Amino acid sequence: MTTDSLHDCLACAPQLLGQLERQPLLAERWQTLPRRDYAAGQPLLRAGQAVEQVWFIVRGLVRVAHLSAQGVERNAAFHGEGSWVGWGTPPFATTSPVDILALEPTQVLELSYANLRQWQTELPLVQELLSDGIRAVLARSSQREAELLMLDAEARYRAFLEQRGDLAARIPLHHVASYLGITNVALSRIRARMGLVRR
């Protein structure tokens, strides 16, 4: 499960934090979730590992990356504060095809699938939040697929800046190029045409 966009997602901040204020039992359980700290470059999840939890990013930044059989790494998504990161369709365990790695020192709350299943049966709001979160993920995935198929590289970069301008300055350019499916040189040329590179 990945959430690139926080818009219209009840399960993401700030909407989620508002729900916690109105649901004391959910807020109480939220406080029991373990906090995990990751150094820059440290993996939250490696390809091939079982996915049995999702993470809510309290602070920091992570990237989701695929590694091809030829050893080429491609970034699929970036996630900052207030968003969820994981893989698959919670709460159904699966094997991850991706690495999830901290780009900077990051703290997360970890929600195990076991806890999520229990919360679903005991707290009706949780099912609504989960369904809405998955809907937001699918909408963002469809949007990203359309961008890759229909937009040229410069248009994809402009869309990235428009959608993720809040995170863009924190992401190294070689990771942005990988996300866009272009080389570092191509991104440098695009940035120069856009006037984003100092002469």
C-alpha atoms as a PDB file:
ATOM      1  CA  MET A   1       0.000   0.000   0.000  1.00  0.00           C
ATOM      2  CA  THR A   2       1.378   3.327  -0.964  1.00  0.00           C
ATOM      3  CA  THR A   3      -0.080   6.827  -0.630  1.00  0.00           C
ATOM      4  CA  ASP A   4       1.638   9.459  -2.739  1.00  0.00           C
ATOM      5  CA  SER A   5      -1.107  12.045  -2.452  1.00  0.00           C
ATOM      6  CA  LEU A   6      -2.613  13.090   0.857  1.00  0.00           C
ATOM      7  CA  HIS A   7      -5.570  14.839  -0.784  1.00  0.00           C
ATOM      8  CA  ASP A   8      -9.011  13.412  -0.063  1.00  0.00           C
ATOM      9  CA  CYS A   9      -7.607  10.544   2.018  1.00  0.00           C
ATOM     10  CA  LEU A  10      -9.395  10.103   5.334  1.00  0.00           C
ATOM     11  CA  ALA A  11      -6.667   7.712   6.508  1.00  0.00           C
ATOM     12  CA  CYS A  12      -3.886  10.289   6.010  1.00  0.00           C
ATOM     13  CA  ALA A  13      -2.893  13.385   7.952  1.00  0.00           C
ATOM     14  CA  PRO A  14      -4.406  15.816   8.681  1.00  0.00           C
ATOM     15  CA  GLN A  15      -7.780  14.085   8.249  1.00  0.00           C
ATOM     16  CA  LEU A  16      -6.682  11.038  10.257  1.00  0.00           C
ATOM     17  CA  LEU A  17      -5.556  13.163  13.190  1.00  0.00           C
ATOM     18  CA  GLY A  18      -8.980  14.809  13.227  1.00  0.00           C
ATOM     19  CA  GLN A  19     -10.615  11.365  13.347  1.00  0.00           C
ATOM     20  CA  LEU A  20      -8.422  10.410  16.310  1.00  0.00           C
ATOM     21  CA  GLU A  21      -9.598  13.494  18.198  1.00  0.00           C
ATOM     22  CA  ARG A  22     -13.229  12.395  17.726  1.00  0.00           C
ATOM     23  CA  GLN A  23     -12.675   8.676  18.465  1.00  0.00           C
ATOM     24  CA  PRO A  24     -11.169   8.244  21.954  1.00  0.00           C
ATOM     25  CA  LEU A  25     -10.902   4.435  21.708  1.00  0.00           C
ATOM     26  CA  LEU A  26      -9.086   4.613  18.382  1.00  0.00           C
ATOM     27  CA  ALA A  27      -6.836   7.379  19.732  1.00  0.00           C
ATOM     28  CA  GLU A  28      -5.998   5.206  22.741  1.00  0.00           C
ATOM     29  CA  ARG A  29      -4.996   2.294  20.528  1.00  0.00           C
ATOM     30  CA  TRP A  30      -3.068   4.615  18.214  1.00  0.00           C
ATOM     31  CA  GLN A  31      -0.905   5.582  21.188  1.00  0.00           C
ATOM     32  CA  THR A  32       0.054   1.939  21.748  1.00  0.00           C
ATOM     33  CA  LEU A  33       1.605   1.525  18.279  1.00  0.00           C
ATOM     34  CA  PRO A  34       5.374   1.007  18.387  1.00  0.00           C
ATOM     35  CA  ARG A  35       7.584   3.796  17.060  1.00  0.00           C
ATOM     36  CA  ARG A  36      10.532   2.805  14.906  1.00  0.00           C
ATOM     37  CA  ASP A  37      13.478   4.991  13.948  1.00  0.00           C
ATOM     38  CA  TYR A  38      15.457   4.505  10.738  1.00  0.00           C
ATOM     39  CA  ALA A  39      18.699   6.138   9.672  1.00  0.00           C
ATOM     40  CA  ALA A  40      19.086   7.516   6.148  1.00  0.00           C
ATOM     41  CA  GLY A  41      19.593   4.578   3.787  1.00  0.00           C
ATOM     42  CA  GLN A  42      18.205   2.005   6.203  1.00  0.00           C
ATOM     43  CA  PRO A  43      15.459  -0.290   4.856  1.00  0.00           C
ATOM     44  CA  LEU A  44      12.023  -0.544   6.405  1.00  0.00           C
ATOM     45  CA  LEU A  45      11.351  -3.462   4.067  1.00  0.00           C
ATOM     46  CA  ARG A  46      13.380  -5.478   1.570  1.00  0.00           C
ATOM     47  CA  ALA A  47      12.143  -7.176  -1.594  1.00  0.00           C
ATOM     48  CA  GLY A  48      11.343 -10.810  -0.828  1.00  0.00           C
ATOM     49  CA  GLN A  49      10.345 -10.161   2.786  1.00  0.00           C
ATOM     50  CA  ALA A  50       6.866 -10.901   4.072  1.00  0.00           C
ATOM     51  CA  VAL A  51       4.691  -7.807   4.355  1.00  0.00           C
ATOM     52  CA  GLU A  52       2.804  -8.015   7.642  1.00  0.00           C
ATOM     53  CA  GLN A  53       2.552  -4.359   8.599  1.00  0.00           C
ATOM     54  CA  VAL A  54       2.189  -0.817   7.318  1.00  0.00           C
ATOM     55  CA  TRP A  55       3.930   2.300   8.565  1.00  0.00           C
ATOM     56  CA  PHE A  56       2.650   5.808   9.259  1.00  0.00           C
ATOM     57  CA  ILE A  57       5.418   8.364   8.787  1.00  0.00           C
ATOM     58  CA  VAL A  58       5.700  10.650  11.799  1.00  0.00           C
ATOM     59  CA  ARG A  59       8.741  12.478  10.428  1.00  0.00           C
ATOM     60  CA  GLY A  60      11.201  11.892   7.641  1.00  0.00           C
ATOM     61  CA  LEU A  61      11.045  10.670   4.072  1.00  0.00           C
ATOM     62  CA  VAL A  62      11.141   7.238   2.424  1.00  0.00           C
ATOM     63  CA  ARG A  63      11.271   5.898  -1.121  1.00  0.00           C
ATOM     64  CA  VAL A  64       9.790   2.754  -2.661  1.00  0.00           C
ATOM     65  CA  ALA A  65      12.089   1.154  -5.242  1.00  0.00           C
ATOM     66  CA  HIS A  66      12.010  -1.769  -7.678  1.00  0.00           C
ATOM     67  CA  LEU A  67      15.215  -3.571  -8.683  1.00  0.00           C
ATOM     68  CA  SER A  68      15.238  -5.170 -12.132  1.00  0.00           C
ATOM     69  CA  ALA A  69      16.862  -8.505 -12.952  1.00  0.00           C
ATOM     70  CA  GLN A  70      19.614  -6.450 -14.626  1.00  0.00           C
ATOM     71  CA  GLY A  71      20.307  -4.579 -11.380  1.00  0.00           C
ATOM     72  CA  VAL A  72      18.648  -1.320 -12.429  1.00  0.00           C
ATOM     73  CA  GLU A  73      16.821   0.401  -9.577  1.00  0.00           C
ATOM     74  CA  ARG A  74      13.702   2.480 -10.285  1.00  0.00           C
ATOM     75  CA  ASN A  75      11.888   4.599  -7.738  1.00  0.00           C
ATOM     76  CA  ALA A  76       8.144   4.024  -7.652  1.00  0.00           C
ATOM     77  CA  ALA A  77       7.112   6.514  -4.973  1.00  0.00           C
ATOM     78  CA  PHE A  78       8.206   8.897  -2.225  1.00  0.00           C
ATOM     79  CA  HIS A  79       6.404   9.353   1.100  1.00  0.00           C
ATOM     80  CA  GLY A  80       6.775  12.083   3.690  1.00  0.00           C
ATOM     81  CA  GLU A  81       5.222  13.017   6.997  1.00  0.00           C
ATOM     82  CA  GLY A  82       1.572  12.152   7.506  1.00  0.00           C
ATOM     83  CA  SER A  83       1.359   9.392   4.898  1.00  0.00           C
ATOM     84  CA  TRP A  84       1.269   5.617   4.992  1.00  0.00           C
ATOM     85  CA  VAL A  85       3.759   3.317   3.326  1.00  0.00           C
ATOM     86  CA  GLY A  86       3.723  -0.443   2.816  1.00  0.00           C
ATOM     87  CA  TRP A  87       2.934  -2.875   0.032  1.00  0.00           C
ATOM     88  CA  GLY A  88       0.001  -4.996  -1.089  1.00  0.00           C
ATOM     89  CA  THR A  89      -3.553  -4.763   0.148  1.00  0.00           C
ATOM     90  CA  PRO A  90      -3.721  -4.601   3.940  1.00  0.00           C
ATOM     91  CA  PRO A  91      -4.476  -6.632   5.962  1.00  0.00           C
ATOM     92  CA  PHE A  92      -3.626  -9.519   3.617  1.00  0.00           C
ATOM     93  CA  ALA A  93      -0.018 -10.643   3.993  1.00  0.00           C
ATOM     94  CA  THR A  94       2.058 -10.901   0.845  1.00  0.00           C
ATOM     95  CA  THR A  95       5.688 -10.947  -0.272  1.00  0.00           C
ATOM     96  CA  SER A  96       7.162  -7.591  -1.153  1.00  0.00           C
ATOM     97  CA  PRO A  97       8.553  -7.035  -4.664  1.00  0.00           C
ATOM     98  CA  VAL A  98      10.010  -3.668  -3.580  1.00  0.00           C
ATOM     99  CA  ASP A  99      12.485  -2.141  -1.177  1.00  0.00           C
ATOM    100  CA  ILE A 100      11.265   0.631   1.116  1.00  0.00           C
ATOM    101  CA  LEU A 101      14.200   2.766   2.266  1.00  0.00           C
ATOM    102  CA  ALA A 102      14.611   5.860   4.415  1.00  0.00           C
ATOM    103  CA  LEU A 103      15.960   8.824   2.450  1.00  0.00           C
ATOM    104  CA  GLU A 104      16.617  10.769   5.631  1.00  0.00           C
ATOM    105  CA  PRO A 105      16.331  10.032   9.366  1.00  0.00           C
ATOM    106  CA  THR A 106      12.764   8.798   9.683  1.00  0.00           C
ATOM    107  CA  GLN A 107      10.386   7.857  12.479  1.00  0.00           C
ATOM    108  CA  VAL A 108       7.306   5.732  11.827  1.00  0.00           C
ATOM    109  CA  LEU A 109       4.423   4.211  13.721  1.00  0.00           C
ATOM    110  CA  GLU A 110       4.116   0.531  12.872  1.00  0.00           C
ATOM    111  CA  LEU A 111       0.652  -1.012  12.509  1.00  0.00           C
ATOM    112  CA  SER A 112       0.781  -4.792  12.251  1.00  0.00           C
ATOM    113  CA  TYR A 113      -1.805  -6.596  10.153  1.00  0.00           C
ATOM    114  CA  ALA A 114      -2.784  -8.572  13.260  1.00  0.00           C
ATOM    115  CA  ASN A 115      -3.679  -5.333  15.042  1.00  0.00           C
ATOM    116  CA  LEU A 116      -5.361  -3.979  11.932  1.00  0.00           C
ATOM    117  CA  ARG A 117      -7.607  -7.038  11.632  1.00  0.00           C
ATOM    118  CA  GLN A 118      -8.554  -6.764  15.306  1.00  0.00           C
ATOM    119  CA  TRP A 119      -9.279  -3.051  14.982  1.00  0.00           C
ATOM    120  CA  GLN A 120     -11.469  -3.714  11.927  1.00  0.00           C
ATOM    121  CA  THR A 121     -13.730  -6.041  13.893  1.00  0.00           C
ATOM    122  CA  GLU A 122     -13.919  -3.870  16.993  1.00  0.00           C
ATOM    123  CA  LEU A 123     -13.924  -0.342  15.556  1.00  0.00           C
ATOM    124  CA  PRO A 124     -16.236   0.206  12.536  1.00  0.00           C
ATOM    125  CA  LEU A 125     -14.481   3.443  11.578  1.00  0.00           C
ATOM    126  CA  VAL A 126     -11.252   1.542  10.865  1.00  0.00           C
ATOM    127  CA  GLN A 127     -12.803  -0.329   7.926  1.00  0.00           C
ATOM    128  CA  GLU A 128     -13.988   2.974   6.473  1.00  0.00           C
ATOM    129  CA  LEU A 129     -10.520   4.499   6.872  1.00  0.00           C
ATOM    130  CA  LEU A 130      -8.841   1.451   5.335  1.00  0.00           C
ATOM    131  CA  SER A 131     -11.196   1.387   2.360  1.00  0.00           C
ATOM    132  CA  ASP A 132     -10.728   5.102   1.777  1.00  0.00           C
ATOM    133  CA  GLY A 133      -6.953   4.782   2.023  1.00  0.00           C
ATOM    134  CA  ILE A 134      -6.897   1.960  -0.535  1.00  0.00           C
ATOM    135  CA  ARG A 135      -9.158   4.013  -2.828  1.00  0.00           C
ATOM    136  CA  ALA A 136      -6.697   6.924  -2.632  1.00  0.00           C
ATOM    137  CA  VAL A 137      -3.784   4.590  -3.427  1.00  0.00           C
ATOM    138  CA  LEU A 138      -5.561   3.172  -6.491  1.00  0.00           C
ATOM    139  CA  ALA A 139      -6.443   6.651  -7.740  1.00  0.00           C
ATOM    140  CA  ARG A 140      -2.820   7.797  -7.402  1.00  0.00           C
ATOM    141  CA  SER A 141      -1.527   4.632  -9.104  1.00  0.00           C
ATOM    142  CA  SER A 142      -3.869   5.206 -12.043  1.00  0.00           C
ATOM    143  CA  GLN A 143      -2.743   8.811 -12.294  1.00  0.00           C
ATOM    144  CA  ARG A 144       0.936   7.826 -12.270  1.00  0.00           C
ATOM    145  CA  GLU A 145       0.364   5.164 -14.946  1.00  0.00           C
ATOM    146  CA  ALA A 146      -1.376   7.728 -17.162  1.00  0.00           C
ATOM    147  CA  GLU A 147       1.499  10.186 -16.702  1.00  0.00           C
ATOM    148  CA  LEU A 148       4.084   7.573 -17.696  1.00  0.00           C
ATOM    149  CA  LEU A 149       2.087   6.594 -20.773  1.00  0.00           C
ATOM    150  CA  MET A 150       0.850   9.975 -21.971  1.00  0.00           C
ATOM    151  CA  LEU A 151       3.308  12.688 -20.886  1.00  0.00           C
ATOM    152  CA  ASP A 152       6.793  13.440 -22.135  1.00  0.00           C
ATOM    153  CA  ALA A 153       9.657  13.674 -19.647  1.00  0.00           C
ATOM    154  CA  GLU A 154       9.394  17.421 -19.067  1.00  0.00           C
ATOM    155  CA  ALA A 155       5.648  17.236 -18.506  1.00  0.00           C
ATOM    156  CA  ARG A 156       6.187  14.365 -16.036  1.00  0.00           C
ATOM    157  CA  TYR A 157       8.720  16.487 -14.152  1.00  0.00           C
ATOM    158  CA  ARG A 158       6.368  19.466 -14.062  1.00  0.00           C
ATOM    159  CA  ALA A 159       3.594  17.204 -12.756  1.00  0.00           C
ATOM    160  CA  PHE A 160       5.960  15.841 -10.108  1.00  0.00           C
ATOM    161  CA  LEU A 161       6.835  19.368  -8.939  1.00  0.00           C
ATOM    162  CA  GLU A 162       3.160  20.345  -8.878  1.00  0.00           C
ATOM    163  CA  GLN A 163       2.078  17.264  -6.935  1.00  0.00           C
ATOM    164  CA  ARG A 164       5.115  16.774  -4.699  1.00  0.00           C
ATOM    165  CA  GLY A 165       6.553  20.271  -4.442  1.00  0.00           C
ATOM    166  CA  ASP A 166       6.497  19.904  -0.667  1.00  0.00           C
ATOM    167  CA  LEU A 167       9.035  17.064  -0.890  1.00  0.00           C
ATOM    168  CA  ALA A 168      10.954  17.880  -4.083  1.00  0.00           C
ATOM    169  CA  ALA A 169      13.758  19.853  -2.405  1.00  0.00           C
ATOM    170  CA  ARG A 170      14.423  16.939  -0.023  1.00  0.00           C
ATOM    171  CA  ILE A 171      14.812  14.290  -2.737  1.00  0.00           C
ATOM    172  CA  PRO A 172      18.207  13.933  -4.466  1.00  0.00           C
ATOM    173  CA  LEU A 173      17.892  14.617  -8.189  1.00  0.00           C
ATOM    174  CA  HIS A 174      19.161  11.179  -9.222  1.00  0.00           C
ATOM    175  CA  HIS A 175      16.246   9.651  -7.309  1.00  0.00           C
ATOM    176  CA  VAL A 176      13.830  12.053  -9.017  1.00  0.00           C
ATOM    177  CA  ALA A 177      15.243  11.066 -12.420  1.00  0.00           C
ATOM    178  CA  SER A 178      14.757   7.397 -11.564  1.00  0.00           C
ATOM    179  CA  TYR A 179      11.153   8.088 -10.540  1.00  0.00           C
ATOM    180  CA  LEU A 180      10.535   9.860 -13.865  1.00  0.00           C
ATOM    181  CA  GLY A 181      12.123   7.029 -15.848  1.00  0.00           C
ATOM    182  CA  ILE A 182      14.880   9.215 -17.331  1.00  0.00           C
ATOM    183  CA  THR A 183      18.623   9.656 -16.921  1.00  0.00           C
ATOM    184  CA  ASN A 184      20.287  12.206 -14.651  1.00  0.00           C
ATOM    185  CA  VAL A 185      21.581  14.023 -17.757  1.00  0.00           C
ATOM    186  CA  ALA A 186      18.075  14.250 -19.235  1.00  0.00           C
ATOM    187  CA  LEU A 187      16.733  15.693 -15.978  1.00  0.00           C
ATOM    188  CA  SER A 188      19.570  18.248 -15.878  1.00  0.00           C
ATOM    189  CA  ARG A 189      18.646  19.388 -19.398  1.00  0.00           C
ATOM    190  CA  ILE A 190      14.983  19.675 -18.477  1.00  0.00           C
ATOM    191  CA  ARG A 191      15.835  21.707 -15.387  1.00  0.00           C
ATOM    192  CA  ALA A 192      18.077  23.980 -17.459  1.00  0.00           C
ATOM    193  CA  ARG A 193      15.274  24.618 -19.985  1.00  0.00           C
ATOM    194  CA  MET A 194      12.955  25.419 -17.086  1.00  0.00           C
ATOM    195  CA  GLY A 195      15.458  27.895 -15.650  1.00  0.00           C
ATOM    196  CA  LEU A 196      16.023  25.822 -12.511  1.00  0.00           C
ATOM    197  CA  VAL A 197      19.795  25.484 -12.992  1.00  0.00           C
ATOM    198  CA  ARG A 198      22.115  28.387 -12.262  1.00  0.00           C
ATOM    199  CA  ARG A 199      24.395  29.321 -15.122  1.00  0.00           C
END
